[in-house]
Amino acid sequence: MGDHAGDTTAGARLRAFRHSPFFPATVLVLILACAAGLFAGSYTYAMANPTPHRIPIAVTGVPPSEATHDRFVQGMEHALHAELRLRHYATYAAARDAVAEQRVYAVLRSRPGSAGLDVSGASGATVAQLLAETAPRVGQAIGRPVAVRDINPMQSGDPRGLALFYISLAAVIVGFVGAIQLGVHARELEPGERIAFTAGYALLGGFTIAAVVDWGLGALRLPFVESWLILALTMFTSGMVFTAFNTLVGRWAILPTWGVMVLLGNPSSGGAVSWPLLPSLLGSVGRWLPPGASVNAQHTAVYFRGHQHAFPFVVLAVWAGVSAVVFWSWRHRHPGGREKQQAAVPGA
C-alpha cells in the first residue's frame, strides 16, 4: 500500500513538473548545452584546419598529357596532399575566361625550364594563398623558377574575403530573428500580412547592410543594387525558412532553423574557407543551402561582374518558395493570426 502511494505521489510530481514552466526551461538548458558544443564543433571542423582536396587549375602552353606528368604539377600535388584537376585551354585568354566563370582557381603557364602560376585571390583567398605559398617552394626544390602573381586580387578593404561572408551571415541571422520577433510582437498578423512584412524588413535590412558596409565603412565597393537585392532575398529566405518550421514544429522551430542555416549552412558557405578546402561533404552541400547560395551570388556580383550565374538565385528562390508554400498550405497550424489570438483571450 505504501509503495503504491509512493508511486502515485512520484507520478503526480512528474506530471506537475511536466506542466510547470520548469519543464521547458530544463529542456532548453539541455538543448542550449548541446547547441553550444555543436556550434563550436561545426565551425572548428570546417575552418580550423582547411585542407585541399581537388583544386581545378587551367593549363596553357603544353599538351594535356605533358602537363599531367610535369614535375612541377607532381611536386605541387605532393606538397598540397591534393589533386590538381588540370583543364587545358588553347589560349591564355580562354583560361582567363574560365577564371572569370569560376570554373578554375588559377592558371598554370608551363614552359620548358620555368613556369608561371596566376592565382585568383577573388576566386578564393585561402586557395590563392595556399597556391602562392606552395608554388615557389616546389619550384625551388625541382630547380625550376616559378613566377606567381594574383590576376584578380581582393579589394583592399577586404584582403581575406571575409566581409562578404559577414554581410551574408548578418542577412541570414537577422532574417530568421526578424521572423521570430514577428511571432512574438505581431502574432495577430494573418499569413499574407506576415509574408508581406517579412519581405518588408528583408528589403530594408538588405539596404541597411549594404549601405553600412559600402557607404559607411568603405570596406567594400559593392554593385549596390545587385548586392542589396541579394541580401534582401537572403533575409527573406531565412525568415520564411523559420516561418515554415514554426508552422510544422511550433515553438521548437529555432532548432531546425539554427541547424540548417547556422550549424550546417554558414560553415559550408565557402565564405570563410573556400569550397576546395572544406571537407568534401560540406563543400558539396554548401552550394545548395541558402548561406552558400548567398555568398556565391554576392561573391560573383562583386568580383566577377558580367559573369553572374542563375544557380545561387534559383537555390534561394526554391528555399523561399517551398517555405512559403509550406506556411500557406498549413497556415492553420501556425500559432499566429487574429482569429487564434482572439480565441485565446477569455471572453473574446
Protein backbone atom coordinates (compact mmCIF):
# COMPACT_ATOMS: atom_id res chain seq x y z
CA MET A 1 0.00 0.00 0.00
CA GLY A 2 2.81 2.32 0.93
CA ASP A 3 4.69 1.55 -2.28
CA HIS A 4 1.56 2.23 -4.32
CA ALA A 5 1.07 5.54 -2.57
CA GLY A 6 4.72 6.42 -3.18
CA ASP A 7 4.40 5.62 -6.88
CA THR A 8 1.27 7.72 -7.10
CA THR A 9 3.00 10.62 -5.40
CA ALA A 10 6.02 10.34 -7.69
CA GLY A 11 3.77 10.17 -10.76
CA ALA A 12 1.84 13.21 -9.62
CA ARG A 13 5.06 15.14 -9.09
CA LEU A 14 6.29 14.15 -12.54
CA ARG A 15 3.02 15.26 -14.13
CA ALA A 16 3.13 18.51 -12.21
CA PHE A 17 6.72 19.09 -13.32
CA ARG A 18 5.83 18.44 -16.97
CA HIS A 19 3.05 21.02 -16.82
CA SER A 20 5.13 23.59 -14.98
CA PRO A 21 7.41 26.23 -16.53
CA PHE A 22 10.37 24.31 -15.13
CA PHE A 23 9.98 21.51 -17.70
CA PRO A 24 10.52 23.60 -20.88
CA ALA A 25 13.21 25.56 -19.02
CA THR A 26 15.06 22.32 -18.22
CA VAL A 27 14.70 21.13 -21.81
CA LEU A 28 16.09 24.45 -23.03
CA VAL A 29 19.09 24.17 -20.70
CA LEU A 30 19.94 20.76 -22.17
CA ILE A 31 19.32 21.89 -25.76
CA LEU A 32 21.44 25.02 -25.36
CA ALA A 33 24.28 22.99 -23.89
CA CYS A 34 24.19 20.62 -26.88
CA ALA A 35 23.81 23.54 -29.30
CA ALA A 36 26.90 25.23 -27.87
CA GLY A 37 29.01 22.13 -28.46
CA LEU A 38 27.59 21.56 -31.94
CA PHE A 39 28.12 25.21 -32.87
CA ALA A 40 31.77 25.14 -31.81
CA GLY A 41 32.28 21.73 -33.36
CA SER A 42 30.78 22.54 -36.75
CA TYR A 43 32.85 25.69 -37.22
CA THR A 44 36.03 24.05 -35.91
CA TYR A 45 35.54 21.01 -38.16
CA ALA A 46 35.07 23.20 -41.22
CA MET A 47 37.53 26.01 -40.60
CA ALA A 48 40.24 25.16 -38.08
CA ASN A 49 42.45 23.21 -40.46
CA PRO A 50 41.40 23.83 -44.07
CA THR A 51 42.86 21.12 -46.31
CA PRO A 52 42.69 21.00 -50.10
CA HIS A 53 41.18 18.00 -51.84
CA ARG A 54 40.74 18.79 -55.53
CA ILE A 55 41.69 22.17 -56.98
CA PRO A 56 40.71 22.94 -60.59
CA ILE A 57 43.63 24.58 -62.43
CA ALA A 58 43.73 25.87 -66.01
CA VAL A 59 46.80 24.92 -68.05
CA THR A 60 48.14 26.64 -71.16
CA GLY A 61 51.29 26.25 -73.22
CA VAL A 62 51.75 22.48 -73.20
CA PRO A 63 49.66 19.47 -74.29
CA PRO A 64 47.44 17.98 -71.55
CA SER A 65 49.44 14.73 -71.41
CA GLU A 66 52.70 16.57 -70.77
CA ALA A 67 51.14 18.83 -68.16
CA THR A 68 49.77 15.84 -66.26
CA HIS A 69 53.26 14.33 -65.94
CA ASP A 70 55.05 17.61 -65.36
CA ARG A 71 57.42 17.51 -62.37
CA PHE A 72 56.07 20.81 -61.09
CA VAL A 73 52.48 19.54 -61.11
CA GLN A 74 53.51 16.34 -59.36
CA GLY A 75 55.50 18.33 -56.83
CA MET A 76 52.52 20.60 -56.13
CA GLU A 77 50.21 17.64 -55.59
CA HIS A 78 52.72 16.04 -53.24
CA ALA A 79 53.22 19.25 -51.27
CA LEU A 80 49.50 20.02 -51.05
CA HIS A 81 48.44 16.39 -50.48
CA ALA A 82 45.73 17.13 -53.03
CA GLU A 83 44.85 16.57 -56.66
CA LEU A 84 45.25 19.38 -59.16
CA ARG A 85 42.43 18.90 -61.63
CA LEU A 86 44.05 20.20 -64.79
CA ARG A 87 41.90 21.69 -67.51
CA HIS A 88 43.72 22.51 -70.73
CA TYR A 89 42.91 25.68 -72.66
CA ALA A 90 44.32 26.50 -76.08
CA THR A 91 44.87 30.18 -75.27
CA TYR A 92 45.62 32.23 -72.20
CA ALA A 93 42.52 34.35 -72.92
CA ALA A 94 40.34 31.24 -72.73
CA ALA A 95 41.96 30.29 -69.43
CA ARG A 96 41.32 33.77 -68.02
CA ASP A 97 37.69 33.47 -69.08
CA ALA A 98 37.49 30.18 -67.17
CA VAL A 99 38.74 32.00 -64.08
CA ALA A 100 36.07 34.67 -64.55
CA GLU A 101 33.43 31.96 -64.87
CA GLN A 102 34.81 30.42 -61.63
CA ARG A 103 35.48 27.06 -63.24
CA VAL A 104 39.16 27.17 -62.18
CA TYR A 105 41.10 28.81 -59.35
CA ALA A 106 44.40 29.53 -61.13
CA VAL A 107 46.20 29.41 -64.46
CA LEU A 108 49.43 27.46 -64.90
CA ARG A 109 51.57 28.74 -67.75
CA SER A 110 54.06 25.93 -68.25
CA ARG A 111 57.21 26.40 -70.34
CA PRO A 112 60.43 24.40 -70.66
CA GLY A 113 62.63 25.28 -67.69
CA SER A 114 60.17 27.64 -65.99
CA ALA A 115 56.54 28.08 -65.02
CA GLY A 116 54.15 30.86 -64.19
CA LEU A 117 51.21 30.46 -61.81
CA ASP A 118 48.47 33.09 -61.98
CA VAL A 119 46.28 32.77 -58.91
CA SER A 120 42.94 34.49 -58.43
CA GLY A 121 42.51 35.84 -54.92
CA ALA A 122 38.91 36.77 -55.64
CA SER A 123 38.11 33.17 -56.57
CA GLY A 124 39.08 32.09 -53.07
CA ALA A 125 41.54 33.93 -50.87
CA THR A 126 42.50 30.81 -48.89
CA VAL A 127 43.11 28.76 -52.05
CA ALA A 128 45.13 31.55 -53.68
CA GLN A 129 47.26 31.96 -50.56
CA LEU A 130 47.93 28.23 -50.35
CA LEU A 131 48.93 28.02 -54.01
CA ALA A 132 51.06 31.17 -53.84
CA GLU A 133 52.96 29.89 -50.79
CA THR A 134 53.48 26.37 -52.13
CA ALA A 135 54.45 27.01 -55.77
CA PRO A 136 57.79 28.82 -55.15
CA ARG A 137 58.91 26.15 -52.68
CA VAL A 138 58.13 23.38 -55.16
CA GLY A 139 59.86 25.27 -57.97
CA GLN A 140 62.95 25.75 -55.87
CA ALA A 141 63.00 22.07 -54.93
CA ILE A 142 62.98 20.92 -58.56
CA GLY A 143 65.25 23.71 -59.83
CA ARG A 144 62.55 25.39 -61.86
CA PRO A 145 61.73 29.08 -61.25
CA VAL A 146 58.04 29.81 -60.69
CA ALA A 147 56.61 33.31 -61.04
CA VAL A 148 53.41 33.80 -59.05
CA ARG A 149 51.03 36.71 -59.49
CA ASP A 150 47.48 37.50 -58.43
CA ILE A 151 45.46 38.35 -61.52
CA ASN A 152 42.25 39.12 -59.62
CA PRO A 153 43.06 40.32 -56.11
CA MET A 154 40.61 41.01 -53.30
CA GLN A 155 39.59 44.58 -52.61
CA SER A 156 41.95 46.44 -50.28
CA GLY A 157 39.29 46.80 -47.60
CA ASP A 158 38.66 43.06 -47.55
CA PRO A 159 42.02 41.31 -48.16
CA ARG A 160 40.85 37.99 -46.70
CA GLY A 161 37.46 37.99 -48.39
CA LEU A 162 35.63 37.76 -45.07
CA ALA A 163 33.46 40.87 -45.45
CA LEU A 164 31.20 39.12 -47.96
CA PHE A 165 30.85 36.22 -45.54
CA TYR A 166 29.95 38.56 -42.69
CA ILE A 167 27.30 40.52 -44.59
CA SER A 168 25.72 37.26 -45.77
CA LEU A 169 25.86 35.91 -42.20
CA ALA A 170 24.15 39.07 -40.97
CA ALA A 171 21.40 38.67 -43.56
CA VAL A 172 20.85 35.01 -42.61
CA ILE A 173 20.71 35.55 -38.84
CA VAL A 174 18.70 38.79 -38.87
CA GLY A 175 16.39 37.16 -41.41
CA PHE A 176 15.19 34.42 -39.09
CA VAL A 177 15.47 36.55 -35.93
CA GLY A 178 13.11 39.00 -37.62
CA ALA A 179 10.62 36.19 -38.22
CA ILE A 180 10.92 35.17 -34.56
CA GLN A 181 10.22 38.74 -33.45
CA LEU A 182 7.17 39.00 -35.74
CA GLY A 183 5.86 35.91 -33.98
CA VAL A 184 6.46 37.45 -30.56
CA HIS A 185 5.35 41.05 -31.11
CA ALA A 186 2.95 40.78 -34.07
CA ARG A 187 1.27 37.41 -33.55
CA GLU A 188 -2.04 38.70 -34.92
CA LEU A 189 -0.67 39.07 -38.46
CA GLU A 190 -2.54 36.93 -40.97
CA PRO A 191 -0.48 34.70 -43.32
CA GLY A 192 -0.41 37.12 -46.26
CA GLU A 193 0.45 40.01 -43.97
CA ARG A 194 3.24 38.02 -42.32
CA ILE A 195 4.82 37.25 -45.69
CA ALA A 196 4.50 40.92 -46.71
CA PHE A 197 6.17 42.18 -43.53
CA THR A 198 8.92 39.57 -43.89
CA ALA A 199 9.60 40.94 -47.37
CA GLY A 200 9.48 44.48 -45.97
CA TYR A 201 12.13 44.01 -43.29
CA ALA A 202 14.22 41.98 -45.77
CA LEU A 203 14.25 44.84 -48.29
CA LEU A 204 15.02 47.47 -45.68
CA GLY A 205 17.54 45.27 -43.84
CA GLY A 206 19.38 44.36 -47.03
CA PHE A 207 19.63 48.04 -47.94
CA THR A 208 20.97 48.91 -44.49
CA ILE A 209 23.65 46.18 -44.54
CA ALA A 210 24.88 47.24 -47.97
CA ALA A 211 24.82 50.93 -47.08
CA VAL A 212 26.78 50.48 -43.84
CA VAL A 213 29.46 48.25 -45.40
CA ASP A 214 29.87 50.29 -48.60
CA TRP A 215 28.88 53.91 -47.91
CA GLY A 216 29.50 53.94 -44.16
CA LEU A 217 32.66 51.88 -43.64
CA GLY A 218 34.04 51.80 -47.17
CA ALA A 219 35.12 48.19 -46.61
CA LEU A 220 33.75 47.04 -49.96
CA ARG A 221 32.85 48.66 -53.25
CA LEU A 222 29.57 46.92 -53.98
CA PRO A 223 27.45 46.86 -57.13
CA PHE A 224 24.93 48.41 -54.80
CA VAL A 225 21.55 47.46 -56.24
CA GLU A 226 22.58 43.88 -57.04
CA SER A 227 24.20 43.35 -53.64
CA TRP A 228 21.22 44.92 -51.88
CA LEU A 229 18.75 42.61 -53.65
CA ILE A 230 20.89 39.53 -52.93
CA LEU A 231 20.95 40.44 -49.23
CA ALA A 232 17.20 41.13 -49.27
CA LEU A 233 16.46 37.77 -50.91
CA THR A 234 18.73 36.07 -48.35
CA MET A 235 16.93 37.73 -45.42
CA PHE A 236 13.51 36.89 -46.87
CA THR A 237 14.51 33.27 -47.46
CA SER A 238 15.89 32.92 -43.94
CA GLY A 239 12.74 34.44 -42.45
CA MET A 240 10.48 32.17 -44.47
CA VAL A 241 12.51 29.08 -43.53
CA PHE A 242 11.88 29.83 -39.84
CA THR A 243 8.21 30.57 -40.54
CA ALA A 244 7.81 27.21 -42.30
CA PHE A 245 9.47 25.34 -39.43
CA ASN A 246 7.33 27.32 -36.97
CA THR A 247 4.28 26.04 -38.86
CA LEU A 248 5.48 22.44 -38.77
CA VAL A 249 7.01 22.09 -35.29
CA GLY A 250 5.72 25.10 -33.35
CA ARG A 251 7.78 26.63 -30.58
CA TRP A 252 10.81 24.42 -31.28
CA ALA A 253 11.23 25.87 -34.80
CA ILE A 254 14.50 27.55 -33.87
CA LEU A 255 16.19 24.12 -33.63
CA PRO A 256 15.88 23.02 -37.29
CA THR A 257 16.33 26.62 -38.45
CA TRP A 258 19.56 27.01 -36.49
CA GLY A 259 20.74 23.60 -37.67
CA VAL A 260 20.17 24.26 -41.38
CA MET A 261 21.13 27.93 -41.54
CA VAL A 262 23.90 28.27 -38.94
CA LEU A 263 25.36 24.92 -37.87
CA LEU A 264 25.46 23.49 -41.40
CA GLY A 265 24.85 26.38 -43.77
CA ASN A 266 27.35 29.01 -42.66
CA PRO A 267 30.47 26.80 -42.21
CA SER A 268 29.80 25.22 -45.63
CA SER A 269 29.03 28.50 -47.42
CA GLY A 270 32.56 28.96 -48.81
CA GLY A 271 32.73 32.45 -47.34
CA ALA A 272 35.31 31.97 -44.59
CA VAL A 273 37.05 28.97 -46.18
CA SER A 274 36.85 28.30 -49.93
CA TRP A 275 34.94 25.22 -51.03
CA PRO A 276 38.01 23.25 -52.28
CA LEU A 277 39.49 23.46 -48.76
CA LEU A 278 36.38 22.31 -46.91
CA PRO A 279 35.70 18.67 -46.03
CA SER A 280 34.31 17.19 -49.24
CA LEU A 281 30.76 16.68 -47.93
CA LEU A 282 30.48 20.26 -46.68
CA GLY A 283 31.92 21.60 -49.92
CA SER A 284 29.23 19.77 -51.89
CA VAL A 285 26.28 20.50 -49.60
CA GLY A 286 27.09 24.18 -49.06
CA ARG A 287 26.15 25.26 -52.58
CA TRP A 288 22.58 24.01 -52.07
CA LEU A 289 21.89 25.84 -48.81
CA PRO A 290 20.79 29.50 -48.51
CA PRO A 291 24.01 30.80 -46.84
CA GLY A 292 26.22 29.23 -49.52
CA ALA A 293 23.97 30.48 -52.32
CA SER A 294 24.05 33.99 -50.85
CA VAL A 295 27.85 34.06 -50.56
CA ASN A 296 28.18 32.62 -54.05
CA ALA A 297 25.88 35.23 -55.64
CA GLN A 298 27.44 38.10 -53.68
CA HIS A 299 30.97 36.97 -54.49
CA THR A 300 30.25 36.86 -58.22
CA ALA A 301 28.46 40.22 -58.15
CA VAL A 302 31.42 41.96 -56.51
CA TYR A 303 34.42 40.30 -58.19
CA PHE A 304 33.17 38.76 -61.45
CA ARG A 305 30.74 41.29 -62.86
CA GLY A 306 29.19 40.19 -66.09
CA HIS A 307 29.61 36.52 -65.16
CA GLN A 308 26.74 36.11 -62.70
CA HIS A 309 25.12 32.66 -62.60
CA ALA A 310 21.46 31.80 -62.13
CA PHE A 311 22.18 28.84 -59.81
CA PRO A 312 22.52 30.66 -56.45
CA PHE A 313 19.37 32.69 -57.14
CA VAL A 314 17.48 29.51 -58.01
CA VAL A 315 18.64 27.94 -54.72
CA LEU A 316 17.45 30.94 -52.68
CA ALA A 317 14.17 31.17 -54.61
CA VAL A 318 13.43 27.47 -54.17
CA TRP A 319 14.06 27.59 -50.40
CA ALA A 320 11.91 30.73 -50.07
CA GLY A 321 9.17 29.38 -52.35
CA VAL A 322 8.93 25.95 -50.72
CA SER A 323 8.91 27.56 -47.26
CA ALA A 324 6.14 29.96 -48.30
CA VAL A 325 4.08 27.09 -49.75
CA VAL A 326 4.51 25.05 -46.56
CA PHE A 327 3.46 28.02 -44.45
CA TRP A 328 0.46 28.83 -46.63
CA SER A 329 -0.70 25.23 -47.02
CA TRP A 330 -0.59 24.51 -43.30
CA ARG A 331 -1.30 28.04 -42.06
CA HIS A 332 -3.99 26.68 -39.75
CA ARG A 333 -1.15 25.10 -37.72
CA HIS A 334 0.83 28.33 -37.41
CA PRO A 335 0.45 29.91 -33.95
CA GLY A 336 -0.24 33.38 -35.39
CA GLY A 337 -3.36 35.02 -36.80
CA ARG A 338 -6.05 37.32 -35.42
CA GLU A 339 -8.71 34.64 -35.00
CA LYS A 340 -6.42 32.44 -32.89
CA GLN A 341 -5.32 35.34 -30.74
CA GLN A 342 -8.91 36.49 -30.16
CA ALA A 343 -9.96 32.93 -29.31
CA ALA A 344 -7.13 32.76 -26.76
CA VAL A 345 -8.43 35.85 -24.92
CA PRO A 346 -11.05 34.95 -22.27
CA GLY A 347 -14.43 36.43 -23.09
CA ALA A 348 -13.46 37.27 -26.69
